[in-house]
């Protein structure tokens, strides 16, 4: 599950749909570092 924030509109989507739609327009990507040992 992912969310799309477009001004005041928030829509439910999926990561797969986001990657397909945004692969040519992505401007900034945010990553979270995971604790490998805990995982």
ModelCIF file with pLDDT and N, C-alpha, C, O atoms, coordinates in Angstrom:
data_MODEL
#
_entry.id   MODEL 
#
_entity.id                         1 
_entity.type                       polymer 
_entity.pdbx_number_of_molecules   1 
#
_entity_poly.entity_id                      1 
_entity_poly.type                           'polypeptide(L)' 
_entity_poly.nstd_linkage                   no 
_entity_poly.nstd_monomer                   no 
_entity_poly.pdbx_seq_one_letter_code       
;(UNK)(UNK)(UNK)(UNK)(UNK)(UNK)(UNK)(UNK)(UNK)(UNK)(UNK)(UNK)(UNK)(UNK)(UNK)(UNK)
(UNK)(UNK)(UNK)(UNK)(UNK)(UNK)(UNK)(UNK)(UNK)(UNK)(UNK)(UNK)(UNK)(UNK)(UNK)(UNK)
(UNK)(UNK)(UNK)(UNK)(UNK)(UNK)(UNK)
;
_entity_poly.pdbx_seq_one_letter_code_can   XXXXXXXXXXXXXXXXXXXXXXXXXXXXXXXXXXXXXXX 
_entity_poly.pdbx_strand_id                 A 
#
loop_
_entity_poly_seq.entity_id 
_entity_poly_seq.num 
_entity_poly_seq.mon_id 
_entity_poly_seq.hetero 
1 1  UNK n 
1 2  UNK n 
1 3  UNK n 
1 4  UNK n 
1 5  UNK n 
1 6  UNK n 
1 7  UNK n 
1 8  UNK n 
1 9  UNK n 
1 10 UNK n 
1 11 UNK n 
1 12 UNK n 
1 13 UNK n 
1 14 UNK n 
1 15 UNK n 
1 16 UNK n 
1 17 UNK n 
1 18 UNK n 
1 19 UNK n 
1 20 UNK n 
1 21 UNK n 
1 22 UNK n 
1 23 UNK n 
1 24 UNK n 
1 25 UNK n 
1 26 UNK n 
1 27 UNK n 
1 28 UNK n 
1 29 UNK n 
1 30 UNK n 
1 31 UNK n 
1 32 UNK n 
1 33 UNK n 
1 34 UNK n 
1 35 UNK n 
1 36 UNK n 
1 37 UNK n 
1 38 UNK n 
1 39 UNK n 
#
_struct_asym.id          A 
_struct_asym.entity_id   1 
#
loop_
_ma_qa_metric.id 
_ma_qa_metric.mode 
_ma_qa_metric.name 
_ma_qa_metric.software_group_id 
_ma_qa_metric.type 
1 global pLDDT . pLDDT 
2 local  pLDDT . pLDDT 
#
_ma_qa_metric_global.metric_id      1 
_ma_qa_metric_global.metric_value   86.69 
_ma_qa_metric_global.model_id       1 
_ma_qa_metric_global.ordinal_id     1 
#
loop_
_ma_qa_metric_local.label_asym_id 
_ma_qa_metric_local.label_comp_id 
_ma_qa_metric_local.label_seq_id 
_ma_qa_metric_local.metric_id 
_ma_qa_metric_local.metric_value 
_ma_qa_metric_local.model_id 
_ma_qa_metric_local.ordinal_id 
A UNK 1  2 93.00 1 1  
A UNK 2  2 95.00 1 2  
A UNK 3  2 96.00 1 3  
A UNK 4  2 95.00 1 4  
A UNK 5  2 96.00 1 5  
A UNK 6  2 96.00 1 6  
A UNK 7  2 94.00 1 7  
A UNK 8  2 94.00 1 8  
A UNK 9  2 96.00 1 9  
A UNK 10 2 97.00 1 10 
A UNK 11 2 96.00 1 11 
A UNK 12 2 95.00 1 12 
A UNK 13 2 94.00 1 13 
A UNK 14 2 92.00 1 14 
A UNK 15 2 89.00 1 15 
A UNK 16 2 90.00 1 16 
A UNK 17 2 92.00 1 17 
A UNK 18 2 91.00 1 18 
A UNK 19 2 88.00 1 19 
A UNK 20 2 88.00 1 20 
A UNK 21 2 84.00 1 21 
A UNK 22 2 81.00 1 22 
A UNK 23 2 82.00 1 23 
A UNK 24 2 84.00 1 24 
A UNK 25 2 87.00 1 25 
A UNK 26 2 90.00 1 26 
A UNK 27 2 90.00 1 27 
A UNK 28 2 94.00 1 28 
A UNK 29 2 93.00 1 29 
A UNK 30 2 93.00 1 30 
A UNK 31 2 90.00 1 31 
A UNK 32 2 89.00 1 32 
A UNK 33 2 86.00 1 33 
A UNK 34 2 81.00 1 34 
A UNK 35 2 74.00 1 35 
A UNK 36 2 61.00 1 36 
A UNK 37 2 58.00 1 37 
A UNK 38 2 50.00 1 38 
A UNK 39 2 47.00 1 39 
#
loop_
_atom_site.group_PDB 
_atom_site.id 
_atom_site.type_symbol 
_atom_site.label_atom_id 
_atom_site.label_alt_id 
_atom_site.label_comp_id 
_atom_site.label_asym_id 
_atom_site.label_entity_id 
_atom_site.label_seq_id 
_atom_site.pdbx_PDB_ins_code 
_atom_site.Cartn_x 
_atom_site.Cartn_y 
_atom_site.Cartn_z 
_atom_site.occupancy 
_atom_site.B_iso_or_equiv 
_atom_site.pdbx_formal_charge 
_atom_site.auth_seq_id 
_atom_site.auth_comp_id 
_atom_site.auth_asym_id 
_atom_site.auth_atom_id 
_atom_site.pdbx_PDB_model_num 
ATOM 1   N N  . UNK A 1 1  ? 0.801  -1.228  0.000   1.00 93.00 ? 1  UNK A N  1 
ATOM 2   C CA . UNK A 1 1  ? 0.000  0.000   0.000   1.00 93.00 ? 1  UNK A CA 1 
ATOM 3   C C  . UNK A 1 1  ? 0.835  1.281   0.000   1.00 93.00 ? 1  UNK A C  1 
ATOM 4   O O  . UNK A 1 1  ? 1.743  1.446   0.815   1.00 93.00 ? 1  UNK A O  1 
ATOM 5   N N  . UNK A 1 2  ? 0.516  2.168   -0.913  1.00 95.00 ? 2  UNK A N  1 
ATOM 6   C CA . UNK A 1 2  ? 1.133  3.484   -1.017  1.00 95.00 ? 2  UNK A CA 1 
ATOM 7   C C  . UNK A 1 2  ? 0.017  4.521   -1.090  1.00 95.00 ? 2  UNK A C  1 
ATOM 8   O O  . UNK A 1 2  ? -1.145 4.185   -1.315  1.00 95.00 ? 2  UNK A O  1 
ATOM 9   N N  . UNK A 1 3  ? 0.387  5.790   -0.895  1.00 96.00 ? 3  UNK A N  1 
ATOM 10  C CA . UNK A 1 3  ? -0.546 6.904   -1.023  1.00 96.00 ? 3  UNK A CA 1 
ATOM 11  C C  . UNK A 1 3  ? 0.037  7.908   -2.012  1.00 96.00 ? 3  UNK A C  1 
ATOM 12  O O  . UNK A 1 3  ? 1.250  8.109   -2.062  1.00 96.00 ? 3  UNK A O  1 
ATOM 13  N N  . UNK A 1 4  ? -0.836 8.535   -2.797  1.00 95.00 ? 4  UNK A N  1 
ATOM 14  C CA . UNK A 1 4  ? -0.453 9.607   -3.703  1.00 95.00 ? 4  UNK A CA 1 
ATOM 15  C C  . UNK A 1 4  ? -1.020 10.904  -3.161  1.00 95.00 ? 4  UNK A C  1 
ATOM 16  O O  . UNK A 1 4  ? -2.229 11.029  -2.967  1.00 95.00 ? 4  UNK A O  1 
ATOM 17  N N  . UNK A 1 5  ? -0.141 11.875  -2.915  1.00 96.00 ? 5  UNK A N  1 
ATOM 18  C CA . UNK A 1 5  ? -0.538 13.192  -2.410  1.00 96.00 ? 5  UNK A CA 1 
ATOM 19  C C  . UNK A 1 5  ? -0.442 14.179  -3.569  1.00 96.00 ? 5  UNK A C  1 
ATOM 20  O O  . UNK A 1 5  ? 0.647  14.457  -4.071  1.00 96.00 ? 5  UNK A O  1 
ATOM 21  N N  . UNK A 1 6  ? -1.580 14.700  -3.984  1.00 96.00 ? 6  UNK A N  1 
ATOM 22  C CA . UNK A 1 6  ? -1.657 15.643  -5.096  1.00 96.00 ? 6  UNK A CA 1 
ATOM 23  C C  . UNK A 1 6  ? -2.472 16.835  -4.620  1.00 96.00 ? 6  UNK A C  1 
ATOM 24  O O  . UNK A 1 6  ? -3.700 16.828  -4.707  1.00 96.00 ? 6  UNK A O  1 
ATOM 25  N N  . UNK A 1 7  ? -1.789 17.858  -4.117  1.00 94.00 ? 7  UNK A N  1 
ATOM 26  C CA . UNK A 1 7  ? -2.431 19.008  -3.481  1.00 94.00 ? 7  UNK A CA 1 
ATOM 27  C C  . UNK A 1 7  ? -3.303 18.506  -2.334  1.00 94.00 ? 7  UNK A C  1 
ATOM 28  O O  . UNK A 1 7  ? -2.794 17.828  -1.442  1.00 94.00 ? 7  UNK A O  1 
ATOM 29  N N  . UNK A 1 8  ? -4.592 18.815  -2.328  1.00 94.00 ? 8  UNK A N  1 
ATOM 30  C CA . UNK A 1 8  ? -5.468 18.408  -1.225  1.00 94.00 ? 8  UNK A CA 1 
ATOM 31  C C  . UNK A 1 8  ? -6.026 16.999  -1.428  1.00 94.00 ? 8  UNK A C  1 
ATOM 32  O O  . UNK A 1 8  ? -6.738 16.490  -0.562  1.00 94.00 ? 8  UNK A O  1 
ATOM 33  N N  . UNK A 1 9  ? -5.718 16.372  -2.542  1.00 96.00 ? 9  UNK A N  1 
ATOM 34  C CA . UNK A 1 9  ? -6.251 15.047  -2.852  1.00 96.00 ? 9  UNK A CA 1 
ATOM 35  C C  . UNK A 1 9  ? -5.249 13.962  -2.441  1.00 96.00 ? 9  UNK A C  1 
ATOM 36  O O  . UNK A 1 9  ? -4.070 14.033  -2.790  1.00 96.00 ? 9  UNK A O  1 
ATOM 37  N N  . UNK A 1 10 ? -5.729 12.959  -1.697  1.00 97.00 ? 10 UNK A N  1 
ATOM 38  C CA . UNK A 1 10 ? -4.907 11.819  -1.292  1.00 97.00 ? 10 UNK A CA 1 
ATOM 39  C C  . UNK A 1 10 ? -5.593 10.559  -1.812  1.00 97.00 ? 10 UNK A C  1 
ATOM 40  O O  . UNK A 1 10 ? -6.750 10.288  -1.489  1.00 97.00 ? 10 UNK A O  1 
ATOM 41  N N  . UNK A 1 11 ? -4.866 9.800   -2.616  1.00 96.00 ? 11 UNK A N  1 
ATOM 42  C CA . UNK A 1 11 ? -5.419 8.592   -3.233  1.00 96.00 ? 11 UNK A CA 1 
ATOM 43  C C  . UNK A 1 11 ? -4.630 7.363   -2.798  1.00 96.00 ? 11 UNK A C  1 
ATOM 44  O O  . UNK A 1 11 ? -3.419 7.431   -2.587  1.00 96.00 ? 11 UNK A O  1 
ATOM 45  N N  . UNK A 1 12 ? -5.326 6.245   -2.669  1.00 95.00 ? 12 UNK A N  1 
ATOM 46  C CA . UNK A 1 12 ? -4.675 4.965   -2.374  1.00 95.00 ? 12 UNK A CA 1 
ATOM 47  C C  . UNK A 1 12 ? -4.150 4.372   -3.680  1.00 95.00 ? 12 UNK A C  1 
ATOM 48  O O  . UNK A 1 12 ? -4.816 4.436   -4.713  1.00 95.00 ? 12 UNK A O  1 
ATOM 49  N N  . UNK A 1 13 ? -2.961 3.799   -3.621  1.00 94.00 ? 13 UNK A N  1 
ATOM 50  C CA . UNK A 1 13 ? -2.357 3.161   -4.783  1.00 94.00 ? 13 UNK A CA 1 
ATOM 51  C C  . UNK A 1 13 ? -1.438 2.042   -4.295  1.00 94.00 ? 13 UNK A C  1 
ATOM 52  O O  . UNK A 1 13 ? -1.478 1.678   -3.120  1.00 94.00 ? 13 UNK A O  1 
ATOM 53  N N  . UNK A 1 14 ? -0.628 1.506   -5.173  1.00 92.00 ? 14 UNK A N  1 
ATOM 54  C CA . UNK A 1 14 ? 0.343  0.474   -4.801  1.00 92.00 ? 14 UNK A CA 1 
ATOM 55  C C  . UNK A 1 14 ? 1.734  0.908   -5.251  1.00 92.00 ? 14 UNK A C  1 
ATOM 56  O O  . UNK A 1 14 ? 1.874  1.744   -6.144  1.00 92.00 ? 14 UNK A O  1 
ATOM 57  N N  . UNK A 1 15 ? 2.741  0.345   -4.636  1.00 89.00 ? 15 UNK A N  1 
ATOM 58  C CA . UNK A 1 15 ? 4.104  0.642   -5.027  1.00 89.00 ? 15 UNK A CA 1 
ATOM 59  C C  . UNK A 1 15 ? 4.361  0.290   -6.476  1.00 89.00 ? 15 UNK A C  1 
ATOM 60  O O  . UNK A 1 15 ? 5.052  1.024   -7.183  1.00 89.00 ? 15 UNK A O  1 
ATOM 61  N N  . UNK A 1 16 ? 3.817  -0.817  -6.921  1.00 90.00 ? 16 UNK A N  1 
ATOM 62  C CA . UNK A 1 16 ? 3.998  -1.250  -8.309  1.00 90.00 ? 16 UNK A CA 1 
ATOM 63  C C  . UNK A 1 16 ? 3.443  -0.197  -9.270  1.00 90.00 ? 16 UNK A C  1 
ATOM 64  O O  . UNK A 1 16 ? 4.095  0.147   -10.255 1.00 90.00 ? 16 UNK A O  1 
ATOM 65  N N  . UNK A 1 17 ? 2.254  0.310   -8.991  1.00 92.00 ? 17 UNK A N  1 
ATOM 66  C CA . UNK A 1 17 ? 1.647  1.340   -9.842  1.00 92.00 ? 17 UNK A CA 1 
ATOM 67  C C  . UNK A 1 17 ? 2.474  2.622   -9.818  1.00 92.00 ? 17 UNK A C  1 
ATOM 68  O O  . UNK A 1 17 ? 2.661  3.263   -10.853 1.00 92.00 ? 17 UNK A O  1 
ATOM 69  N N  . UNK A 1 18 ? 2.969  2.996   -8.641  1.00 91.00 ? 18 UNK A N  1 
ATOM 70  C CA . UNK A 1 18 ? 3.790  4.204   -8.511  1.00 91.00 ? 18 UNK A CA 1 
ATOM 71  C C  . UNK A 1 18 ? 5.053  4.071   -9.356  1.00 91.00 ? 18 UNK A C  1 
ATOM 72  O O  . UNK A 1 18 ? 5.388  4.991   -10.101 1.00 91.00 ? 18 UNK A O  1 
ATOM 73  N N  . UNK A 1 19 ? 5.752  2.959   -9.256  1.00 88.00 ? 19 UNK A N  1 
ATOM 74  C CA . UNK A 1 19 ? 7.003  2.778   -9.993  1.00 88.00 ? 19 UNK A CA 1 
ATOM 75  C C  . UNK A 1 19 ? 6.760  2.827   -11.497 1.00 88.00 ? 19 UNK A C  1 
ATOM 76  O O  . UNK A 1 19 ? 7.553  3.405   -12.241 1.00 88.00 ? 19 UNK A O  1 
ATOM 77  N N  . UNK A 1 20 ? 5.665  2.220   -11.940 1.00 88.00 ? 20 UNK A N  1 
ATOM 78  C CA . UNK A 1 20 ? 5.348  2.217   -13.358 1.00 88.00 ? 20 UNK A CA 1 
ATOM 79  C C  . UNK A 1 20 ? 5.029  3.626   -13.860 1.00 88.00 ? 20 UNK A C  1 
ATOM 80  O O  . UNK A 1 20 ? 5.475  4.023   -14.937 1.00 88.00 ? 20 UNK A O  1 
ATOM 81  N N  . UNK A 1 21 ? 4.256  4.377   -13.076 1.00 84.00 ? 21 UNK A N  1 
ATOM 82  C CA . UNK A 1 21 ? 3.836  5.717   -13.484 1.00 84.00 ? 21 UNK A CA 1 
ATOM 83  C C  . UNK A 1 21 ? 4.937  6.764   -13.318 1.00 84.00 ? 21 UNK A C  1 
ATOM 84  O O  . UNK A 1 21 ? 5.012  7.704   -14.109 1.00 84.00 ? 21 UNK A O  1 
ATOM 85  N N  . UNK A 1 22 ? 5.780  6.619   -12.317 1.00 81.00 ? 22 UNK A N  1 
ATOM 86  C CA . UNK A 1 22 ? 6.729  7.675   -11.963 1.00 81.00 ? 22 UNK A CA 1 
ATOM 87  C C  . UNK A 1 22 ? 8.153  7.442   -12.457 1.00 81.00 ? 22 UNK A C  1 
ATOM 88  O O  . UNK A 1 22 ? 9.033  8.252   -12.166 1.00 81.00 ? 22 UNK A O  1 
ATOM 89  N N  . UNK A 1 23 ? 8.405  6.380   -13.180 1.00 82.00 ? 23 UNK A N  1 
ATOM 90  C CA . UNK A 1 23 ? 9.780  6.068   -13.535 1.00 82.00 ? 23 UNK A CA 1 
ATOM 91  C C  . UNK A 1 23 ? 10.462 7.135   -14.391 1.00 82.00 ? 23 UNK A C  1 
ATOM 92  O O  . UNK A 1 23 ? 11.691 7.215   -14.403 1.00 82.00 ? 23 UNK A O  1 
ATOM 93  N N  . UNK A 1 24 ? 9.691  7.954   -15.107 1.00 84.00 ? 24 UNK A N  1 
ATOM 94  C CA . UNK A 1 24 ? 10.301 8.992   -15.928 1.00 84.00 ? 24 UNK A CA 1 
ATOM 95  C C  . UNK A 1 24 ? 10.158 10.388  -15.341 1.00 84.00 ? 24 UNK A C  1 
ATOM 96  O O  . UNK A 1 24 ? 10.751 11.335  -15.857 1.00 84.00 ? 24 UNK A O  1 
ATOM 97  N N  . UNK A 1 25 ? 9.380  10.532  -14.267 1.00 87.00 ? 25 UNK A N  1 
ATOM 98  C CA . UNK A 1 25 ? 9.151  11.861  -13.701 1.00 87.00 ? 25 UNK A CA 1 
ATOM 99  C C  . UNK A 1 25 ? 9.680  11.997  -12.271 1.00 87.00 ? 25 UNK A C  1 
ATOM 100 O O  . UNK A 1 25 ? 9.546  13.061  -11.665 1.00 87.00 ? 25 UNK A O  1 
ATOM 101 N N  . UNK A 1 26 ? 10.269 10.949  -11.732 1.00 90.00 ? 26 UNK A N  1 
ATOM 102 C CA . UNK A 1 26 ? 10.788 11.013  -10.360 1.00 90.00 ? 26 UNK A CA 1 
ATOM 103 C C  . UNK A 1 26 ? 11.852 12.092  -10.256 1.00 90.00 ? 26 UNK A C  1 
ATOM 104 O O  . UNK A 1 26 ? 12.773 12.156  -11.070 1.00 90.00 ? 26 UNK A O  1 
ATOM 105 N N  . UNK A 1 27 ? 11.713 12.939  -9.243  1.00 90.00 ? 27 UNK A N  1 
ATOM 106 C CA . UNK A 1 27 ? 12.617 14.072  -9.055  1.00 90.00 ? 27 UNK A CA 1 
ATOM 107 C C  . UNK A 1 27 ? 13.493 13.872  -7.824  1.00 90.00 ? 27 UNK A C  1 
ATOM 108 O O  . UNK A 1 27 ? 14.701 14.107  -7.870  1.00 90.00 ? 27 UNK A O  1 
ATOM 109 N N  . UNK A 1 28 ? 12.882 13.437  -6.723  1.00 94.00 ? 28 UNK A N  1 
ATOM 110 C CA . UNK A 1 28 ? 13.601 13.160  -5.478  1.00 94.00 ? 28 UNK A CA 1 
ATOM 111 C C  . UNK A 1 28 ? 13.114 11.826  -4.931  1.00 94.00 ? 28 UNK A C  1 
ATOM 112 O O  . UNK A 1 28 ? 11.910 11.574  -4.877  1.00 94.00 ? 28 UNK A O  1 
ATOM 113 N N  . UNK A 1 29 ? 14.044 10.976  -4.528  1.00 93.00 ? 29 UNK A N  1 
ATOM 114 C CA . UNK A 1 29 ? 13.714 9.680   -3.929  1.00 93.00 ? 29 UNK A CA 1 
ATOM 115 C C  . UNK A 1 29 ? 14.136 9.694   -2.467  1.00 93.00 ? 29 UNK A C  1 
ATOM 116 O O  . UNK A 1 29 ? 15.223 10.167  -2.135  1.00 93.00 ? 29 UNK A O  1 
ATOM 117 N N  . UNK A 1 30 ? 13.284 9.178   -1.599  1.00 93.00 ? 30 UNK A N  1 
ATOM 118 C CA . UNK A 1 30 ? 13.597 9.088   -0.172  1.00 93.00 ? 30 UNK A CA 1 
ATOM 119 C C  . UNK A 1 30 ? 13.694 7.622   0.217   1.00 93.00 ? 30 UNK A C  1 
ATOM 120 O O  . UNK A 1 30 ? 12.807 6.822   -0.079  1.00 93.00 ? 30 UNK A O  1 
ATOM 121 N N  . UNK A 1 31 ? 14.795 7.285   0.890   1.00 90.00 ? 31 UNK A N  1 
ATOM 122 C CA . UNK A 1 31 ? 15.022 5.925   1.345   1.00 90.00 ? 31 UNK A CA 1 
ATOM 123 C C  . UNK A 1 31 ? 15.111 5.891   2.860   1.00 90.00 ? 31 UNK A C  1 
ATOM 124 O O  . UNK A 1 31 ? 15.520 6.863   3.493   1.00 90.00 ? 31 UNK A O  1 
ATOM 125 N N  . UNK A 1 32 ? 14.725 4.768   3.428   1.00 89.00 ? 32 UNK A N  1 
ATOM 126 C CA . UNK A 1 32 ? 14.845 4.536   4.866   1.00 89.00 ? 32 UNK A CA 1 
ATOM 127 C C  . UNK A 1 32 ? 15.886 3.441   5.063   1.00 89.00 ? 32 UNK A C  1 
ATOM 128 O O  . UNK A 1 32 ? 15.814 2.382   4.439   1.00 89.00 ? 32 UNK A O  1 
ATOM 129 N N  . UNK A 1 33 ? 16.849 3.707   5.932   1.00 86.00 ? 33 UNK A N  1 
ATOM 130 C CA . UNK A 1 33 ? 17.856 2.685   6.231   1.00 86.00 ? 33 UNK A CA 1 
ATOM 131 C C  . UNK A 1 33 ? 17.257 1.688   7.208   1.00 86.00 ? 33 UNK A C  1 
ATOM 132 O O  . UNK A 1 33 ? 16.726 2.071   8.250   1.00 86.00 ? 33 UNK A O  1 
ATOM 133 N N  . UNK A 1 34 ? 17.342 0.422   6.872   1.00 81.00 ? 34 UNK A N  1 
ATOM 134 C CA . UNK A 1 34 ? 16.828 -0.642  7.721   1.00 81.00 ? 34 UNK A CA 1 
ATOM 135 C C  . UNK A 1 34 ? 17.958 -1.237  8.542   1.00 81.00 ? 34 UNK A C  1 
ATOM 136 O O  . UNK A 1 34 ? 19.102 -1.292  8.090   1.00 81.00 ? 34 UNK A O  1 
ATOM 137 N N  . UNK A 1 35 ? 17.641 -1.674  9.725   1.00 74.00 ? 35 UNK A N  1 
ATOM 138 C CA . UNK A 1 35 ? 18.604 -2.342  10.582  1.00 74.00 ? 35 UNK A CA 1 
ATOM 139 C C  . UNK A 1 35 ? 18.742 -3.775  10.081  1.00 74.00 ? 35 UNK A C  1 
ATOM 140 O O  . UNK A 1 35 ? 17.886 -4.617  10.353  1.00 74.00 ? 35 UNK A O  1 
ATOM 141 N N  . UNK A 1 36 ? 19.812 -4.049  9.354   1.00 61.00 ? 36 UNK A N  1 
ATOM 142 C CA . UNK A 1 36 ? 20.011 -5.358  8.725   1.00 61.00 ? 36 UNK A CA 1 
ATOM 143 C C  . UNK A 1 36 ? 20.047 -6.464  9.768   1.00 61.00 ? 36 UNK A C  1 
ATOM 144 O O  . UNK A 1 36 ? 19.452 -7.523  9.567   1.00 61.00 ? 36 UNK A O  1 
ATOM 145 N N  . UNK A 1 37 ? 20.738 -6.233  10.877  1.00 58.00 ? 37 UNK A N  1 
ATOM 146 C CA . UNK A 1 37 ? 20.850 -7.252  11.909  1.00 58.00 ? 37 UNK A CA 1 
ATOM 147 C C  . UNK A 1 37 ? 19.490 -7.584  12.515  1.00 58.00 ? 37 UNK A C  1 
ATOM 148 O O  . UNK A 1 37 ? 19.188 -8.755  12.746  1.00 58.00 ? 37 UNK A O  1 
ATOM 149 N N  . UNK A 1 38 ? 18.657 -6.557  12.778  1.00 50.00 ? 38 UNK A N  1 
ATOM 150 C CA . UNK A 1 38 ? 17.328 -6.787  13.339  1.00 50.00 ? 38 UNK A CA 1 
ATOM 151 C C  . UNK A 1 38 ? 16.449 -7.514  12.341  1.00 50.00 ? 38 UNK A C  1 
ATOM 152 O O  . UNK A 1 38 ? 15.676 -8.396  12.717  1.00 50.00 ? 38 UNK A O  1 
ATOM 153 N N  . UNK A 1 39 ? 16.562 -7.145  11.048  1.00 47.00 ? 39 UNK A N  1 
ATOM 154 C CA . UNK A 1 39 ? 15.776 -7.821  10.014  1.00 47.00 ? 39 UNK A CA 1 
ATOM 155 C C  . UNK A 1 39 ? 16.164 -9.287  9.927   1.00 47.00 ? 39 UNK A C  1 
ATOM 156 O O  . UNK A 1 39 ? 15.610 -10.025 9.113   1.00 47.00 ? 39 UNK A O  1 
#
